[in-house]
Amino acid sequence: MKDGLKRAQKFYNTHNRLPIYINFGNKKVPIAEFQEIIAFQGMKINGYIGVRPVYITSDNINNPTVDNARINSIVSVLRSMGVNAYNMGLGPNTHIKVLQNTSVSKNALIVDIYGGADAGVIYEMGSSWYKLLKGNKKVFTLYWPPSKVITGLAFLERAHDDNYDPSSFTGLAHPDQYLKSNGYSYLYSNVLSTIVSNIFYQSTH
């Protein structure tokens, strides 16, 4: 156990994340199982603060089969890394429903996948109403290409299907800065390994 802990600690110090497995000869012990083993002996990986459970929602991007397969692929890899991850469904309101779901852990990481950048949704995330609903949960936004890139964007116009904001709302200036100033992180990617590593980082920080 001490040898495994030493190797896990070195990996964590180098990569700022846990390894997926700890190797003992030809046997691979999943990191979640290894942590349980060393915890019984009062040992832990220094600096590691634990993993938030991950709940993933998605907008309707391609079709239900493809969109669910995308979520399930991410969930599968995260679970192999020792993260409790769940598919919370598809649809335009799932990003709110997951926050209202009383079975969702209060310290959860919510990952919302969007096929487009919606100024109204981003603006909503900065509202006191949304933050009260979010509580201690953490929200991470994933924009799936060909969604508009918001990084460095001066103005994000109101979405064509926005039927929930007042007519006076025309869009949002500097949406990337707005998200960051309200404590949110986001990612623009369709590369599974990049997505998973970013979600894992968000779940452990």
N, C-alpha and C. Protein backbone atom coordinates (compact mmCIF):
# COMPACT_ATOMS: atom_id res chain seq x y z
N MET A 1 0.83 -1.21 0.00
CA MET A 1 0.00 0.00 0.00
C MET A 1 0.86 1.26 0.00
N LYS A 2 1.94 1.23 0.80
CA LYS A 2 2.81 2.41 0.88
C LYS A 2 3.49 2.69 -0.45
N ASP A 3 3.88 1.60 -1.13
CA ASP A 3 4.51 1.77 -2.44
C ASP A 3 3.50 2.34 -3.44
N GLY A 4 2.28 1.81 -3.43
CA GLY A 4 1.23 2.32 -4.33
C GLY A 4 0.90 3.76 -4.03
N LEU A 5 0.82 4.10 -2.74
CA LEU A 5 0.53 5.48 -2.35
C LEU A 5 1.65 6.42 -2.81
N LYS A 6 2.89 5.98 -2.67
CA LYS A 6 4.02 6.80 -3.10
C LYS A 6 3.94 7.10 -4.59
N ARG A 7 3.58 6.07 -5.39
CA ARG A 7 3.48 6.27 -6.84
C ARG A 7 2.28 7.13 -7.22
N ALA A 8 1.17 6.93 -6.50
CA ALA A 8 -0.02 7.75 -6.75
C ALA A 8 0.23 9.20 -6.39
N GLN A 9 0.94 9.41 -5.28
CA GLN A 9 1.25 10.77 -4.85
C GLN A 9 2.16 11.48 -5.85
N LYS A 10 3.15 10.75 -6.37
CA LYS A 10 4.07 11.32 -7.36
C LYS A 10 3.30 11.70 -8.62
N PHE A 11 2.39 10.83 -9.06
CA PHE A 11 1.59 11.10 -10.25
C PHE A 11 0.72 12.33 -10.04
N TYR A 12 0.09 12.40 -8.86
CA TYR A 12 -0.78 13.55 -8.57
C TYR A 12 0.03 14.85 -8.53
N ASN A 13 1.20 14.82 -7.92
CA ASN A 13 2.03 16.03 -7.83
C ASN A 13 2.51 16.50 -9.20
N THR A 14 2.71 15.54 -10.11
CA THR A 14 3.20 15.86 -11.45
C THR A 14 2.09 16.33 -12.38
N HIS A 15 0.92 15.65 -12.34
CA HIS A 15 -0.14 15.90 -13.31
C HIS A 15 -1.35 16.64 -12.75
N ASN A 16 -1.35 16.88 -11.43
CA ASN A 16 -2.45 17.57 -10.77
C ASN A 16 -3.78 16.82 -10.95
N ARG A 17 -3.71 15.53 -11.07
CA ARG A 17 -4.89 14.66 -11.11
C ARG A 17 -4.48 13.27 -10.69
N LEU A 18 -5.45 12.45 -10.37
CA LEU A 18 -5.15 11.08 -9.97
C LEU A 18 -4.93 10.20 -11.19
N PRO A 19 -4.13 9.14 -11.02
CA PRO A 19 -4.02 8.16 -12.11
C PRO A 19 -5.33 7.37 -12.20
N ILE A 20 -5.55 6.71 -13.30
CA ILE A 20 -6.75 5.89 -13.46
C ILE A 20 -6.61 4.59 -12.68
N TYR A 21 -5.40 4.00 -12.72
CA TYR A 21 -5.12 2.74 -12.04
C TYR A 21 -3.83 2.84 -11.24
N ILE A 22 -3.70 1.95 -10.27
CA ILE A 22 -2.41 1.71 -9.62
C ILE A 22 -2.02 0.29 -9.99
N ASN A 23 -0.85 0.13 -10.60
CA ASN A 23 -0.39 -1.19 -11.04
C ASN A 23 0.35 -1.91 -9.93
N PHE A 24 -0.03 -3.19 -9.72
CA PHE A 24 0.69 -4.07 -8.81
C PHE A 24 1.01 -5.34 -9.61
N GLY A 25 2.20 -5.38 -10.19
CA GLY A 25 2.53 -6.48 -11.09
C GLY A 25 1.66 -6.41 -12.32
N ASN A 26 0.94 -7.49 -12.59
CA ASN A 26 0.05 -7.52 -13.74
C ASN A 26 -1.36 -7.06 -13.40
N LYS A 27 -1.59 -6.73 -12.15
CA LYS A 27 -2.93 -6.34 -11.70
C LYS A 27 -3.08 -4.83 -11.69
N LYS A 28 -4.20 -4.36 -12.25
CA LYS A 28 -4.52 -2.93 -12.23
C LYS A 28 -5.66 -2.69 -11.25
N VAL A 29 -5.40 -1.89 -10.22
CA VAL A 29 -6.42 -1.57 -9.22
C VAL A 29 -6.97 -0.18 -9.54
N PRO A 30 -8.28 -0.06 -9.84
CA PRO A 30 -8.86 1.26 -10.11
C PRO A 30 -8.60 2.21 -8.96
N ILE A 31 -8.35 3.47 -9.29
CA ILE A 31 -7.94 4.44 -8.27
C ILE A 31 -8.99 4.59 -7.17
N ALA A 32 -10.27 4.50 -7.52
CA ALA A 32 -11.31 4.63 -6.50
C ALA A 32 -11.21 3.50 -5.48
N GLU A 33 -10.95 2.28 -5.98
CA GLU A 33 -10.80 1.12 -5.09
C GLU A 33 -9.55 1.26 -4.25
N PHE A 34 -8.46 1.73 -4.86
CA PHE A 34 -7.21 1.92 -4.12
C PHE A 34 -7.38 2.94 -3.00
N GLN A 35 -8.12 4.02 -3.28
CA GLN A 35 -8.35 5.03 -2.26
C GLN A 35 -9.13 4.47 -1.07
N GLU A 36 -10.09 3.61 -1.37
CA GLU A 36 -10.85 2.98 -0.29
C GLU A 36 -9.94 2.10 0.57
N ILE A 37 -9.05 1.38 -0.08
CA ILE A 37 -8.12 0.49 0.63
C ILE A 37 -7.22 1.28 1.57
N ILE A 38 -6.60 2.34 1.05
CA ILE A 38 -5.67 3.10 1.90
C ILE A 38 -6.40 3.91 2.97
N ALA A 39 -7.66 4.27 2.70
CA ALA A 39 -8.44 5.03 3.69
C ALA A 39 -8.66 4.20 4.95
N PHE A 40 -8.81 2.88 4.78
CA PHE A 40 -8.98 2.00 5.93
C PHE A 40 -7.74 1.99 6.83
N GLN A 41 -6.61 2.35 6.25
CA GLN A 41 -5.36 2.39 7.01
C GLN A 41 -5.00 3.82 7.43
N GLY A 42 -5.96 4.73 7.23
CA GLY A 42 -5.74 6.12 7.64
C GLY A 42 -4.80 6.88 6.73
N MET A 43 -4.65 6.39 5.50
CA MET A 43 -3.74 7.06 4.56
C MET A 43 -4.54 7.73 3.45
N LYS A 44 -3.98 8.76 2.85
CA LYS A 44 -4.63 9.45 1.74
C LYS A 44 -3.59 10.13 0.88
N ILE A 45 -4.01 10.57 -0.30
CA ILE A 45 -3.13 11.28 -1.21
C ILE A 45 -3.15 12.76 -0.84
N ASN A 46 -2.01 13.29 -0.45
CA ASN A 46 -1.93 14.67 0.03
C ASN A 46 -2.27 15.66 -1.07
N GLY A 47 -3.07 16.67 -0.72
CA GLY A 47 -3.44 17.71 -1.66
C GLY A 47 -4.71 17.40 -2.42
N TYR A 48 -5.11 16.13 -2.40
CA TYR A 48 -6.31 15.72 -3.13
C TYR A 48 -7.54 16.02 -2.28
N ILE A 49 -8.48 16.77 -2.85
CA ILE A 49 -9.61 17.25 -2.04
C ILE A 49 -10.90 16.47 -2.28
N GLY A 50 -10.81 15.40 -3.06
CA GLY A 50 -12.01 14.62 -3.30
C GLY A 50 -12.64 14.95 -4.64
N VAL A 51 -13.59 14.13 -5.03
CA VAL A 51 -14.20 14.26 -6.35
C VAL A 51 -15.69 14.58 -6.21
N ARG A 52 -16.11 15.64 -6.87
CA ARG A 52 -17.54 15.92 -6.93
C ARG A 52 -18.20 14.91 -7.87
N PRO A 53 -19.38 14.40 -7.52
CA PRO A 53 -20.11 13.59 -8.50
C PRO A 53 -20.51 14.45 -9.69
N VAL A 54 -20.55 13.87 -10.87
CA VAL A 54 -20.78 14.63 -12.10
C VAL A 54 -22.12 14.24 -12.71
N TYR A 55 -22.94 15.24 -13.00
CA TYR A 55 -24.24 15.04 -13.62
C TYR A 55 -24.25 15.79 -14.95
N ILE A 56 -24.48 15.07 -16.04
CA ILE A 56 -24.34 15.66 -17.37
C ILE A 56 -25.69 15.80 -18.06
N THR A 57 -25.96 16.98 -18.58
CA THR A 57 -27.15 17.24 -19.39
C THR A 57 -26.71 17.66 -20.78
N SER A 58 -27.64 17.61 -21.73
CA SER A 58 -27.31 18.05 -23.09
C SER A 58 -28.51 18.69 -23.75
N ASP A 59 -28.22 19.70 -24.53
CA ASP A 59 -29.20 20.27 -25.43
C ASP A 59 -29.46 19.25 -26.55
N ASN A 60 -30.50 19.45 -27.32
CA ASN A 60 -30.73 18.64 -28.51
C ASN A 60 -29.77 19.13 -29.60
N ILE A 61 -28.77 18.33 -29.90
CA ILE A 61 -27.73 18.77 -30.83
C ILE A 61 -27.84 18.06 -32.17
N ASN A 62 -27.73 16.73 -32.18
CA ASN A 62 -27.85 15.96 -33.42
C ASN A 62 -29.19 15.22 -33.47
N ASN A 63 -29.27 14.18 -32.69
CA ASN A 63 -30.53 13.44 -32.51
C ASN A 63 -30.39 12.68 -31.20
N PRO A 64 -31.51 12.18 -30.63
CA PRO A 64 -31.43 11.53 -29.32
C PRO A 64 -30.42 10.41 -29.21
N THR A 65 -30.30 9.59 -30.26
CA THR A 65 -29.36 8.47 -30.21
C THR A 65 -27.91 8.96 -30.12
N VAL A 66 -27.55 9.90 -30.99
CA VAL A 66 -26.18 10.43 -31.01
C VAL A 66 -25.89 11.23 -29.74
N ASP A 67 -26.86 12.05 -29.32
CA ASP A 67 -26.64 12.91 -28.16
C ASP A 67 -26.49 12.09 -26.88
N ASN A 68 -27.31 11.05 -26.73
CA ASN A 68 -27.19 10.19 -25.55
C ASN A 68 -25.90 9.38 -25.58
N ALA A 69 -25.51 8.93 -26.77
CA ALA A 69 -24.25 8.18 -26.90
C ALA A 69 -23.07 9.05 -26.50
N ARG A 70 -23.13 10.34 -26.85
CA ARG A 70 -22.07 11.28 -26.48
C ARG A 70 -21.95 11.37 -24.96
N ILE A 71 -23.07 11.58 -24.30
CA ILE A 71 -23.05 11.67 -22.84
C ILE A 71 -22.55 10.37 -22.23
N ASN A 72 -23.08 9.25 -22.71
CA ASN A 72 -22.71 7.95 -22.14
C ASN A 72 -21.24 7.63 -22.31
N SER A 73 -20.64 8.09 -23.42
CA SER A 73 -19.20 7.89 -23.62
C SER A 73 -18.41 8.65 -22.57
N ILE A 74 -18.82 9.89 -22.32
CA ILE A 74 -18.14 10.71 -21.30
C ILE A 74 -18.32 10.08 -19.93
N VAL A 75 -19.54 9.65 -19.62
CA VAL A 75 -19.83 9.03 -18.33
C VAL A 75 -18.98 7.78 -18.14
N SER A 76 -18.87 6.96 -19.18
CA SER A 76 -18.12 5.71 -19.10
C SER A 76 -16.65 5.96 -18.75
N VAL A 77 -16.03 6.92 -19.43
CA VAL A 77 -14.62 7.20 -19.17
C VAL A 77 -14.43 7.78 -17.77
N LEU A 78 -15.31 8.68 -17.37
CA LEU A 78 -15.22 9.25 -16.03
C LEU A 78 -15.35 8.18 -14.95
N ARG A 79 -16.27 7.25 -15.16
CA ARG A 79 -16.44 6.17 -14.17
C ARG A 79 -15.21 5.28 -14.10
N SER A 80 -14.55 5.09 -15.24
CA SER A 80 -13.32 4.29 -15.24
C SER A 80 -12.21 4.99 -14.47
N MET A 81 -12.36 6.30 -14.28
CA MET A 81 -11.39 7.10 -13.53
C MET A 81 -11.79 7.24 -12.06
N GLY A 82 -12.87 6.58 -11.68
CA GLY A 82 -13.30 6.62 -10.29
C GLY A 82 -14.26 7.74 -9.96
N VAL A 83 -14.82 8.39 -10.98
CA VAL A 83 -15.77 9.49 -10.76
C VAL A 83 -17.19 8.96 -10.91
N ASN A 84 -18.05 9.28 -9.95
CA ASN A 84 -19.46 8.94 -10.07
C ASN A 84 -20.10 9.91 -11.06
N ALA A 85 -20.44 9.43 -12.23
CA ALA A 85 -20.97 10.29 -13.30
C ALA A 85 -22.30 9.72 -13.79
N TYR A 86 -23.20 10.65 -14.18
CA TYR A 86 -24.56 10.25 -14.53
C TYR A 86 -25.06 11.03 -15.74
N ASN A 87 -25.83 10.34 -16.58
CA ASN A 87 -26.51 10.97 -17.71
C ASN A 87 -27.86 11.47 -17.22
N MET A 88 -28.07 12.78 -17.25
CA MET A 88 -29.30 13.38 -16.73
C MET A 88 -30.27 13.80 -17.82
N GLY A 89 -30.00 13.37 -19.06
CA GLY A 89 -30.98 13.54 -20.11
C GLY A 89 -30.77 14.71 -21.05
N LEU A 90 -31.67 14.76 -22.03
CA LEU A 90 -31.59 15.73 -23.12
C LEU A 90 -32.76 16.71 -23.08
N GLY A 91 -32.55 17.86 -23.68
CA GLY A 91 -33.64 18.82 -23.83
C GLY A 91 -33.25 20.21 -23.41
N PRO A 92 -33.99 21.20 -23.88
CA PRO A 92 -33.64 22.60 -23.63
C PRO A 92 -33.73 23.04 -22.17
N ASN A 93 -34.46 22.30 -21.33
CA ASN A 93 -34.62 22.71 -19.94
C ASN A 93 -33.90 21.80 -18.95
N THR A 94 -33.13 20.84 -19.44
CA THR A 94 -32.48 19.91 -18.52
C THR A 94 -31.44 20.61 -17.65
N HIS A 95 -30.87 21.72 -18.13
CA HIS A 95 -29.87 22.43 -17.32
C HIS A 95 -30.50 23.04 -16.07
N ILE A 96 -31.80 23.27 -16.10
CA ILE A 96 -32.52 23.76 -14.92
C ILE A 96 -33.08 22.60 -14.11
N LYS A 97 -33.63 21.62 -14.80
CA LYS A 97 -34.23 20.47 -14.11
C LYS A 97 -33.21 19.74 -13.24
N VAL A 98 -31.96 19.65 -13.70
CA VAL A 98 -30.95 18.95 -12.92
C VAL A 98 -30.66 19.69 -11.61
N LEU A 99 -30.75 21.01 -11.63
CA LEU A 99 -30.54 21.79 -10.41
C LEU A 99 -31.72 21.67 -9.46
N GLN A 100 -32.90 21.41 -10.01
CA GLN A 100 -34.11 21.26 -9.20
C GLN A 100 -34.28 19.85 -8.67
N ASN A 101 -33.50 18.92 -9.19
CA ASN A 101 -33.63 17.51 -8.82
C ASN A 101 -33.05 17.29 -7.42
N THR A 102 -33.90 16.90 -6.48
CA THR A 102 -33.47 16.75 -5.08
C THR A 102 -32.56 15.54 -4.87
N SER A 103 -32.49 14.63 -5.85
CA SER A 103 -31.61 13.47 -5.72
C SER A 103 -30.18 13.79 -6.14
N VAL A 104 -29.97 14.96 -6.73
CA VAL A 104 -28.63 15.37 -7.16
C VAL A 104 -27.85 15.88 -5.94
N SER A 105 -26.64 15.40 -5.80
CA SER A 105 -25.80 15.77 -4.66
C SER A 105 -25.62 17.29 -4.57
N LYS A 106 -25.61 17.80 -3.34
CA LYS A 106 -25.49 19.25 -3.13
C LYS A 106 -24.12 19.79 -3.50
N ASN A 107 -23.12 18.91 -3.60
CA ASN A 107 -21.79 19.38 -4.00
C ASN A 107 -21.44 18.92 -5.41
N ALA A 108 -22.46 18.64 -6.22
CA ALA A 108 -22.28 18.09 -7.55
C ALA A 108 -21.58 19.05 -8.51
N LEU A 109 -20.99 18.47 -9.53
CA LEU A 109 -20.54 19.22 -10.70
C LEU A 109 -21.57 18.96 -11.79
N ILE A 110 -22.22 20.01 -12.25
CA ILE A 110 -23.18 19.91 -13.34
C ILE A 110 -22.48 20.28 -14.64
N VAL A 111 -22.54 19.40 -15.62
CA VAL A 111 -21.95 19.67 -16.93
C VAL A 111 -23.08 19.79 -17.94
N ASP A 112 -23.22 20.98 -18.52
CA ASP A 112 -24.26 21.23 -19.52
C ASP A 112 -23.62 21.33 -20.90
N ILE A 113 -24.07 20.45 -21.81
CA ILE A 113 -23.52 20.43 -23.17
C ILE A 113 -24.49 21.17 -24.10
N TYR A 114 -23.96 22.12 -24.85
CA TYR A 114 -24.78 22.90 -25.77
C TYR A 114 -24.23 22.83 -27.19
N GLY A 115 -25.15 22.78 -28.15
CA GLY A 115 -24.75 22.81 -29.55
C GLY A 115 -24.72 24.22 -30.10
N GLY A 116 -25.02 25.19 -29.25
CA GLY A 116 -24.99 26.59 -29.65
C GLY A 116 -24.84 27.46 -28.41
N ALA A 117 -24.24 28.61 -28.57
CA ALA A 117 -24.07 29.55 -27.46
C ALA A 117 -25.30 30.45 -27.40
N ASP A 118 -26.04 30.36 -26.31
CA ASP A 118 -27.28 31.10 -26.13
C ASP A 118 -27.05 32.24 -25.14
N ALA A 119 -27.19 33.48 -25.63
CA ALA A 119 -26.94 34.65 -24.78
C ALA A 119 -27.88 34.67 -23.58
N GLY A 120 -29.13 34.27 -23.79
CA GLY A 120 -30.10 34.28 -22.70
C GLY A 120 -29.74 33.31 -21.59
N VAL A 121 -29.28 32.13 -21.97
CA VAL A 121 -28.89 31.12 -20.98
C VAL A 121 -27.67 31.59 -20.20
N ILE A 122 -26.70 32.18 -20.89
CA ILE A 122 -25.51 32.69 -20.22
C ILE A 122 -25.88 33.81 -19.26
N TYR A 123 -26.73 34.72 -19.71
CA TYR A 123 -27.16 35.82 -18.86
C TYR A 123 -27.88 35.30 -17.62
N GLU A 124 -28.70 34.28 -17.82
CA GLU A 124 -29.45 33.67 -16.72
C GLU A 124 -28.52 33.13 -15.64
N MET A 125 -27.38 32.58 -16.05
CA MET A 125 -26.44 31.98 -15.10
C MET A 125 -25.86 33.00 -14.12
N GLY A 126 -25.91 34.27 -14.49
CA GLY A 126 -25.41 35.30 -13.60
C GLY A 126 -26.47 35.89 -12.69
N SER A 127 -27.72 35.45 -12.87
CA SER A 127 -28.82 36.01 -12.08
C SER A 127 -28.83 35.44 -10.67
N SER A 128 -29.38 36.20 -9.74
CA SER A 128 -29.47 35.75 -8.35
C SER A 128 -30.38 34.54 -8.25
N TRP A 129 -31.41 34.47 -9.11
CA TRP A 129 -32.33 33.33 -9.11
C TRP A 129 -31.59 32.04 -9.43
N TYR A 130 -30.77 32.06 -10.47
CA TYR A 130 -30.04 30.88 -10.89
C TYR A 130 -29.02 30.48 -9.83
N LYS A 131 -28.31 31.45 -9.29
CA LYS A 131 -27.28 31.16 -8.29
C LYS A 131 -27.89 30.58 -7.01
N LEU A 132 -29.07 31.05 -6.65
CA LEU A 132 -29.76 30.49 -5.49
C LEU A 132 -30.16 29.04 -5.76
N LEU A 133 -30.63 28.78 -6.97
CA LEU A 133 -31.00 27.43 -7.35
C LEU A 133 -29.77 26.52 -7.40
N LYS A 134 -28.66 27.04 -7.86
CA LYS A 134 -27.41 26.27 -7.97
C LYS A 134 -26.86 25.91 -6.60
N GLY A 135 -26.94 26.82 -5.65
CA GLY A 135 -26.41 26.56 -4.31
C GLY A 135 -24.91 26.29 -4.34
N ASN A 136 -24.49 25.20 -3.70
CA ASN A 136 -23.07 24.85 -3.64
C ASN A 136 -22.62 24.00 -4.82
N LYS A 137 -23.52 23.73 -5.72
CA LYS A 137 -23.15 22.95 -6.89
C LYS A 137 -22.25 23.79 -7.81
N LYS A 138 -21.49 23.12 -8.61
CA LYS A 138 -20.61 23.77 -9.57
C LYS A 138 -21.13 23.48 -10.97
N VAL A 139 -21.13 24.48 -11.84
CA VAL A 139 -21.65 24.32 -13.19
C VAL A 139 -20.53 24.57 -14.21
N PHE A 140 -20.36 23.61 -15.10
CA PHE A 140 -19.34 23.69 -16.15
C PHE A 140 -20.05 23.57 -17.49
N THR A 141 -19.78 24.52 -18.39
CA THR A 141 -20.46 24.56 -19.69
C THR A 141 -19.55 24.04 -20.79
N LEU A 142 -20.09 23.10 -21.57
CA LEU A 142 -19.36 22.56 -22.72
C LEU A 142 -20.07 22.95 -24.00
N TYR A 143 -19.37 23.69 -24.86
CA TYR A 143 -19.91 24.07 -26.16
C TYR A 143 -19.38 23.10 -27.21
N TRP A 144 -20.32 22.44 -27.88
CA TRP A 144 -19.96 21.42 -28.87
C TRP A 144 -19.96 22.05 -30.27
N PRO A 145 -18.86 21.98 -31.00
CA PRO A 145 -18.82 22.53 -32.36
C PRO A 145 -19.93 21.92 -33.23
N PRO A 146 -20.53 22.73 -34.11
CA PRO A 146 -20.08 24.07 -34.55
C PRO A 146 -20.71 25.23 -33.79
N SER A 147 -20.92 25.08 -32.49
CA SER A 147 -21.39 26.21 -31.69
C SER A 147 -20.49 27.43 -31.91
N LYS A 148 -21.08 28.59 -31.79
CA LYS A 148 -20.29 29.83 -31.93
C LYS A 148 -19.25 29.89 -30.82
N VAL A 149 -18.06 30.33 -31.17
CA VAL A 149 -16.98 30.49 -30.19
C VAL A 149 -17.18 31.81 -29.45
N ILE A 150 -17.31 31.74 -28.12
CA ILE A 150 -17.55 32.97 -27.36
C ILE A 150 -16.26 33.60 -26.84
N THR A 151 -15.16 32.88 -26.89
CA THR A 151 -13.89 33.44 -26.40
C THR A 151 -13.48 34.64 -27.25
N GLY A 152 -13.34 35.78 -26.60
CA GLY A 152 -12.96 37.00 -27.30
C GLY A 152 -14.08 37.65 -28.08
N LEU A 153 -15.30 37.12 -27.97
CA LEU A 153 -16.43 37.66 -28.73
C LEU A 153 -16.93 38.95 -28.07
N ALA A 154 -17.06 40.00 -28.86
CA ALA A 154 -17.50 41.29 -28.31
C ALA A 154 -18.98 41.29 -27.94
N PHE A 155 -19.80 40.61 -28.76
CA PHE A 155 -21.24 40.61 -28.49
C PHE A 155 -21.87 39.34 -29.02
N LEU A 156 -22.64 38.67 -28.18
CA LEU A 156 -23.37 37.48 -28.57
C LEU A 156 -24.85 37.85 -28.70
N GLU A 157 -25.35 37.80 -29.93
CA GLU A 157 -26.72 38.23 -30.17
C GLU A 157 -27.72 37.23 -29.58
N ARG A 158 -28.91 37.71 -29.34
CA ARG A 158 -29.98 36.88 -28.81
C ARG A 158 -30.24 35.70 -29.76
N ALA A 159 -30.46 34.52 -29.19
CA ALA A 159 -30.71 33.33 -30.00
C ALA A 159 -32.03 33.46 -30.74
N HIS A 160 -32.10 32.88 -31.92
CA HIS A 160 -33.30 33.00 -32.76
C HIS A 160 -34.52 32.33 -32.13
N ASP A 161 -34.26 31.33 -31.26
CA ASP A 161 -35.37 30.62 -30.62
C ASP A 161 -35.57 31.02 -29.16
N ASP A 162 -35.01 32.16 -28.78
CA ASP A 162 -35.19 32.67 -27.42
C ASP A 162 -36.59 33.25 -27.27
N ASN A 163 -37.46 32.48 -26.62
CA ASN A 163 -38.84 32.94 -26.38
C ASN A 163 -39.11 33.13 -24.89
N TYR A 164 -38.03 33.30 -24.12
CA TYR A 164 -38.18 33.41 -22.67
C TYR A 164 -37.65 34.72 -22.10
N ASP A 165 -36.86 35.45 -22.87
CA ASP A 165 -36.37 36.74 -22.40
C ASP A 165 -37.26 37.88 -22.88
N PRO A 166 -37.27 39.02 -22.17
CA PRO A 166 -38.06 40.17 -22.62
C PRO A 166 -37.59 40.68 -23.97
N SER A 167 -38.46 41.34 -24.68
CA SER A 167 -38.13 41.84 -26.03
C SER A 167 -36.97 42.83 -26.01
N SER A 168 -36.74 43.45 -24.86
CA SER A 168 -35.65 44.42 -24.75
C SER A 168 -34.27 43.76 -24.74
N PHE A 169 -34.23 42.45 -24.49
CA PHE A 169 -32.95 41.74 -24.45
C PHE A 169 -32.50 41.42 -25.87
N THR A 170 -31.41 42.01 -26.28
CA THR A 170 -30.90 41.81 -27.65
C THR A 170 -29.68 40.92 -27.71
N GLY A 171 -29.06 40.67 -26.56
CA GLY A 171 -27.87 39.84 -26.53
C GLY A 171 -26.99 40.20 -25.35
N LEU A 172 -25.77 39.69 -25.36
CA LEU A 172 -24.87 39.86 -24.21
C LEU A 172 -23.48 40.24 -24.68
N ALA A 173 -22.96 41.34 -24.12
CA ALA A 173 -21.61 41.78 -24.44
C ALA A 173 -20.59 40.92 -23.70
N HIS A 174 -19.51 40.57 -24.38
CA HIS A 174 -18.39 39.81 -23.80
C HIS A 174 -18.87 38.63 -22.97
N PRO A 175 -19.54 37.67 -23.60
CA PRO A 175 -20.10 36.53 -22.86
C PRO A 175 -19.05 35.71 -22.11
N ASP A 176 -17.84 35.61 -22.67
CA ASP A 176 -16.79 34.86 -21.98
C ASP A 176 -16.42 35.52 -20.66
N GLN A 177 -16.28 36.84 -20.68
CA GLN A 177 -15.94 37.56 -19.46
C GLN A 177 -17.10 37.52 -18.46
N TYR A 178 -18.31 37.54 -18.98
CA TYR A 178 -19.49 37.48 -18.11
C TYR A 178 -19.52 36.16 -17.34
N LEU A 179 -19.27 35.05 -18.04
CA LEU A 179 -19.25 33.75 -17.37
C LEU A 179 -18.15 33.71 -16.30
N LYS A 180 -16.95 34.12 -16.67
CA LYS A 180 -15.83 34.05 -15.74
C LYS A 180 -16.03 34.96 -14.54
N SER A 181 -16.59 36.15 -14.77
CA SER A 181 -16.80 37.08 -13.66
C SER A 181 -17.85 36.58 -12.68
N ASN A 182 -18.69 35.65 -13.15
CA ASN A 182 -19.70 35.06 -12.27
C ASN A 182 -19.27 33.69 -11.73
N GLY A 183 -18.00 33.35 -11.95
CA GLY A 183 -17.44 32.16 -11.35
C GLY A 183 -17.59 30.87 -12.13
N TYR A 184 -17.86 30.97 -13.44
CA TYR A 184 -18.07 29.78 -14.26
C TYR A 184 -16.91 29.55 -15.23
N SER A 185 -16.67 28.27 -15.50
CA SER A 185 -15.70 27.88 -16.52
C SER A 185 -16.44 27.23 -17.68
N TYR A 186 -15.84 27.27 -18.85
CA TYR A 186 -16.46 26.65 -20.01
C TYR A 186 -15.38 26.08 -20.93
N LEU A 187 -15.81 25.25 -21.86
CA LEU A 187 -14.89 24.62 -22.81
C LEU A 187 -15.57 24.51 -24.17
N TYR A 188 -14.82 24.78 -25.23
CA TYR A 188 -15.29 24.57 -26.60
C TYR A 188 -14.49 23.42 -27.17
N SER A 189 -15.12 22.26 -27.35
CA SER A 189 -14.38 21.10 -27.85
C SER A 189 -15.34 19.98 -28.24
N ASN A 190 -14.87 19.12 -29.15
CA ASN A 190 -15.57 17.88 -29.45
C ASN A 190 -14.60 16.69 -29.36
N VAL A 191 -13.50 16.89 -28.65
CA VAL A 191 -12.49 15.85 -28.46
C VAL A 191 -12.72 15.20 -27.10
N LEU A 192 -13.07 13.93 -27.10
CA LEU A 192 -13.46 13.24 -25.87
C LEU A 192 -12.40 13.32 -24.78
N SER A 193 -11.14 13.08 -25.13
CA SER A 193 -10.08 13.10 -24.12
C SER A 193 -9.93 14.48 -23.49
N THR A 194 -10.06 15.52 -24.30
CA THR A 194 -9.97 16.89 -23.80
C THR A 194 -11.15 17.19 -22.88
N ILE A 195 -12.33 16.77 -23.30
CA ILE A 195 -13.54 17.00 -22.52
C ILE A 195 -13.45 16.30 -21.17
N VAL A 196 -13.07 15.03 -21.19
CA VAL A 196 -12.99 14.26 -19.95
C VAL A 196 -11.96 14.83 -18.99
N SER A 197 -10.79 15.20 -19.50
CA SER A 197 -9.74 15.74 -18.62
C SER A 197 -10.17 17.07 -18.01
N ASN A 198 -10.91 17.88 -18.77
CA ASN A 198 -11.40 19.15 -18.22
C ASN A 198 -12.50 18.92 -17.18
N ILE A 199 -13.39 17.97 -17.45
CA ILE A 199 -14.43 17.67 -16.46
C ILE A 199 -13.81 17.11 -15.19
N PHE A 200 -12.82 16.22 -15.35
CA PHE A 200 -12.15 15.65 -14.18
C PHE A 200 -11.48 16.76 -13.36
N TYR A 201 -10.84 17.69 -14.04
CA TYR A 201 -10.20 18.81 -13.33
C TYR A 201 -11.25 19.61 -12.56
N GLN A 202 -12.36 19.91 -13.22
CA GLN A 202 -13.42 20.69 -12.57
C GLN A 202 -13.99 19.95 -11.37
N SER A 203 -14.07 18.63 -11.45
CA SER A 203 -14.66 17.85 -10.37
C SER A 203 -13.74 17.72 -9.16
N THR A 204 -12.46 18.03 -9.33
CA THR A 204 -11.51 17.88 -8.23
C THR A 204 -10.93 19.20 -7.75
N HIS A 205 -11.45 20.30 -8.24
CA HIS A 205 -10.95 21.62 -7.84
C HIS A 205 -12.10 22.53 -7.43
